[in-house]
């Protein structure tokens, strides 16, 4: 699956990670391709190299939300 990160942060300062085809996908001009990954956790780890404050979209990557993710996945 292809993953993208929104270059515009949310109101809490985090950037959102989205799967290609997400129903709340941001405007194409505001996203950067993170890459193709087997899991959203792997995509999240890679996205941290681009934007240290990143979390999964509540629709397409809910398992990678800050409030639901164990901190160990970020290491």
N, C-alpha and C. Protein backbone atom coordinates (compact mmCIF):
# COMPACT_ATOMS: atom_id res chain seq x y z
N UNK A 1 0.85 -1.18 0.00
CA UNK A 1 0.00 0.00 0.00
C UNK A 1 0.90 1.24 0.00
N UNK A 2 0.47 2.25 -0.73
CA UNK A 2 1.20 3.53 -0.76
C UNK A 2 0.72 4.42 0.39
N UNK A 3 1.68 5.09 1.01
CA UNK A 3 1.37 6.00 2.11
C UNK A 3 1.90 7.39 1.81
N UNK A 4 1.15 8.38 2.25
CA UNK A 4 1.47 9.78 2.04
C UNK A 4 1.37 10.52 3.36
N UNK A 5 2.10 11.62 3.46
CA UNK A 5 2.02 12.46 4.64
C UNK A 5 1.58 13.86 4.22
N UNK A 6 0.67 14.41 4.99
CA UNK A 6 0.17 15.76 4.74
C UNK A 6 1.23 16.75 5.23
N UNK A 7 1.64 17.65 4.37
CA UNK A 7 2.68 18.62 4.75
C UNK A 7 2.14 19.74 5.62
N UNK A 8 0.82 19.88 5.68
CA UNK A 8 0.21 20.89 6.55
C UNK A 8 -0.17 20.23 7.87
N UNK A 9 0.37 20.69 8.98
CA UNK A 9 0.05 20.06 10.27
C UNK A 9 -1.39 20.33 10.70
N UNK A 10 -1.91 19.42 11.50
CA UNK A 10 -3.23 19.60 12.11
C UNK A 10 -3.11 20.65 13.21
N UNK A 11 -4.22 20.98 13.83
CA UNK A 11 -4.22 22.01 14.88
C UNK A 11 -3.35 21.62 16.08
N UNK A 12 -3.11 20.32 16.28
CA UNK A 12 -2.26 19.88 17.40
C UNK A 12 -0.78 19.83 17.02
N UNK A 13 -0.45 20.20 15.78
CA UNK A 13 0.94 20.23 15.34
C UNK A 13 1.41 18.96 14.66
N UNK A 14 0.61 17.90 14.71
CA UNK A 14 0.98 16.64 14.07
C UNK A 14 0.62 16.65 12.59
N UNK A 15 1.43 15.95 11.82
CA UNK A 15 1.13 15.72 10.41
C UNK A 15 0.44 14.36 10.33
N UNK A 16 -0.49 14.22 9.39
CA UNK A 16 -1.22 12.95 9.28
C UNK A 16 -0.70 12.08 8.16
N UNK A 17 -0.58 10.80 8.48
CA UNK A 17 -0.20 9.77 7.52
C UNK A 17 -1.48 9.20 6.91
N UNK A 18 -1.53 9.09 5.58
CA UNK A 18 -2.71 8.58 4.89
C UNK A 18 -2.34 7.46 3.93
N UNK A 19 -3.24 6.50 3.79
CA UNK A 19 -3.12 5.49 2.75
C UNK A 19 -3.66 6.09 1.45
N UNK A 20 -3.11 5.64 0.35
CA UNK A 20 -3.64 6.04 -0.95
C UNK A 20 -5.11 5.62 -1.02
N UNK A 21 -5.98 6.52 -1.43
CA UNK A 21 -7.39 6.21 -1.55
C UNK A 21 -8.21 6.51 -0.31
N UNK A 22 -7.61 7.06 0.72
CA UNK A 22 -8.34 7.42 1.94
C UNK A 22 -9.48 8.38 1.60
N UNK A 23 -10.63 8.21 2.26
CA UNK A 23 -11.78 9.06 1.96
C UNK A 23 -11.58 10.50 2.42
N UNK A 24 -10.63 10.74 3.31
CA UNK A 24 -10.33 12.12 3.76
C UNK A 24 -8.92 12.53 3.32
N UNK A 25 -8.48 11.98 2.18
CA UNK A 25 -7.15 12.29 1.65
C UNK A 25 -7.05 13.79 1.39
N UNK A 26 -5.96 14.42 1.84
CA UNK A 26 -5.79 15.87 1.62
C UNK A 26 -5.59 16.20 0.14
N UNK A 27 -5.52 17.47 -0.15
CA UNK A 27 -5.26 17.91 -1.53
C UNK A 27 -3.92 17.35 -1.99
N UNK A 28 -3.87 16.92 -3.23
CA UNK A 28 -2.64 16.32 -3.78
C UNK A 28 -1.43 17.23 -3.65
N UNK A 29 -1.63 18.53 -3.74
CA UNK A 29 -0.49 19.45 -3.67
C UNK A 29 0.05 19.62 -2.25
N UNK A 30 -0.64 19.05 -1.26
CA UNK A 30 -0.16 19.19 0.13
C UNK A 30 0.35 17.87 0.71
N UNK A 31 0.58 16.87 -0.14
CA UNK A 31 1.06 15.59 0.37
C UNK A 31 2.41 15.23 -0.23
N UNK A 32 3.15 14.41 0.51
CA UNK A 32 4.44 13.89 0.06
C UNK A 32 4.36 12.37 0.18
N UNK A 33 4.83 11.68 -0.84
CA UNK A 33 4.86 10.22 -0.81
C UNK A 33 5.89 9.76 0.22
N UNK A 34 5.45 8.91 1.13
CA UNK A 34 6.36 8.29 2.10
C UNK A 34 6.94 7.03 1.48
N UNK A 35 6.10 6.28 0.77
CA UNK A 35 6.55 5.07 0.10
C UNK A 35 5.51 3.97 0.15
N UNK A 36 5.92 2.80 -0.29
CA UNK A 36 5.05 1.62 -0.26
C UNK A 36 5.50 0.74 0.90
N UNK A 37 4.53 0.35 1.71
CA UNK A 37 4.83 -0.43 2.91
C UNK A 37 3.78 -1.51 3.10
N UNK A 38 4.16 -2.56 3.80
CA UNK A 38 3.25 -3.65 4.08
C UNK A 38 2.30 -3.31 5.22
N UNK A 39 2.71 -2.39 6.09
CA UNK A 39 1.85 -2.02 7.22
C UNK A 39 1.93 -0.52 7.47
N UNK A 40 0.90 -0.01 8.10
CA UNK A 40 0.90 1.41 8.44
C UNK A 40 1.95 1.72 9.50
N UNK A 41 2.29 0.73 10.34
CA UNK A 41 3.34 0.94 11.34
C UNK A 41 4.69 1.20 10.66
N UNK A 42 4.99 0.42 9.62
CA UNK A 42 6.24 0.62 8.88
C UNK A 42 6.25 1.99 8.20
N UNK A 43 5.11 2.38 7.65
CA UNK A 43 5.01 3.69 7.01
C UNK A 43 5.19 4.81 8.03
N UNK A 44 4.63 4.63 9.21
CA UNK A 44 4.76 5.64 10.26
C UNK A 44 6.21 5.82 10.68
N UNK A 45 6.93 4.72 10.82
CA UNK A 45 8.36 4.81 11.17
C UNK A 45 9.13 5.61 10.11
N UNK A 46 8.85 5.33 8.85
CA UNK A 46 9.53 6.04 7.76
C UNK A 46 9.12 7.51 7.73
N UNK A 47 7.86 7.79 7.99
CA UNK A 47 7.36 9.16 7.97
C UNK A 47 8.02 10.02 9.05
N UNK A 48 8.43 9.38 10.14
CA UNK A 48 9.10 10.13 11.22
C UNK A 48 10.42 10.73 10.76
N UNK A 49 11.02 10.20 9.72
CA UNK A 49 12.25 10.78 9.18
C UNK A 49 11.95 12.10 8.47
N UNK A 50 10.74 12.22 7.92
CA UNK A 50 10.33 13.44 7.22
C UNK A 50 9.76 14.48 8.17
N UNK A 51 8.89 14.01 9.05
CA UNK A 51 8.22 14.89 10.02
C UNK A 51 8.20 14.17 11.37
N UNK A 52 8.94 14.67 12.35
CA UNK A 52 8.97 14.01 13.66
C UNK A 52 7.61 13.92 14.35
N UNK A 53 6.75 14.91 14.11
CA UNK A 53 5.41 14.89 14.71
C UNK A 53 4.42 14.38 13.67
N UNK A 54 4.18 13.09 13.68
CA UNK A 54 3.27 12.47 12.71
C UNK A 54 2.45 11.39 13.40
N UNK A 55 1.21 11.25 12.98
CA UNK A 55 0.36 10.18 13.47
C UNK A 55 -0.53 9.71 12.32
N UNK A 56 -1.12 8.55 12.49
CA UNK A 56 -1.98 8.01 11.46
C UNK A 56 -3.32 8.72 11.38
N UNK A 57 -3.87 8.73 10.19
CA UNK A 57 -5.21 9.27 9.96
C UNK A 57 -6.23 8.45 10.76
N UNK A 58 -7.21 9.12 11.33
CA UNK A 58 -8.21 8.43 12.15
C UNK A 58 -9.10 7.52 11.31
N UNK A 59 -9.13 7.73 9.98
CA UNK A 59 -9.96 6.91 9.09
C UNK A 59 -9.18 5.72 8.52
N UNK A 60 -8.03 5.98 7.91
CA UNK A 60 -7.32 4.91 7.20
C UNK A 60 -6.17 4.27 7.98
N UNK A 61 -5.69 4.92 9.04
CA UNK A 61 -4.59 4.38 9.85
C UNK A 61 -4.87 4.57 11.34
N UNK A 62 -6.06 4.18 11.82
CA UNK A 62 -6.40 4.45 13.22
C UNK A 62 -5.48 3.76 14.22
N UNK A 63 -4.87 2.65 13.82
CA UNK A 63 -3.96 1.95 14.73
C UNK A 63 -2.69 2.74 14.98
N UNK A 64 -2.43 3.75 14.18
CA UNK A 64 -1.23 4.58 14.32
C UNK A 64 -1.53 5.96 14.89
N UNK A 65 -2.66 6.09 15.56
CA UNK A 65 -2.98 7.35 16.23
C UNK A 65 -2.17 7.42 17.52
N UNK A 66 -1.81 8.62 17.93
CA UNK A 66 -1.01 8.82 19.13
C UNK A 66 -1.69 8.21 20.35
N UNK A 67 -3.00 8.42 20.48
CA UNK A 67 -3.71 7.92 21.66
C UNK A 67 -3.89 6.41 21.67
N UNK A 68 -3.69 5.73 20.51
CA UNK A 68 -3.89 4.28 20.48
C UNK A 68 -2.61 3.50 20.21
N UNK A 69 -1.49 4.19 20.00
CA UNK A 69 -0.26 3.51 19.62
C UNK A 69 0.69 3.35 20.79
N UNK A 70 1.23 2.14 20.95
CA UNK A 70 2.28 1.99 21.95
C UNK A 70 3.52 2.75 21.48
N UNK A 71 4.18 3.42 22.37
CA UNK A 71 5.34 4.25 22.01
C UNK A 71 6.44 3.43 21.35
N UNK A 72 6.50 2.13 21.61
CA UNK A 72 7.57 1.30 21.05
C UNK A 72 7.54 1.24 19.53
N UNK A 73 6.38 1.47 18.89
CA UNK A 73 6.36 1.40 17.43
C UNK A 73 7.11 2.56 16.81
N UNK A 74 7.34 3.60 17.57
CA UNK A 74 8.02 4.77 17.04
C UNK A 74 9.53 4.65 17.11
N UNK A 75 10.02 3.67 17.81
CA UNK A 75 11.47 3.53 18.00
C UNK A 75 12.11 2.67 16.94
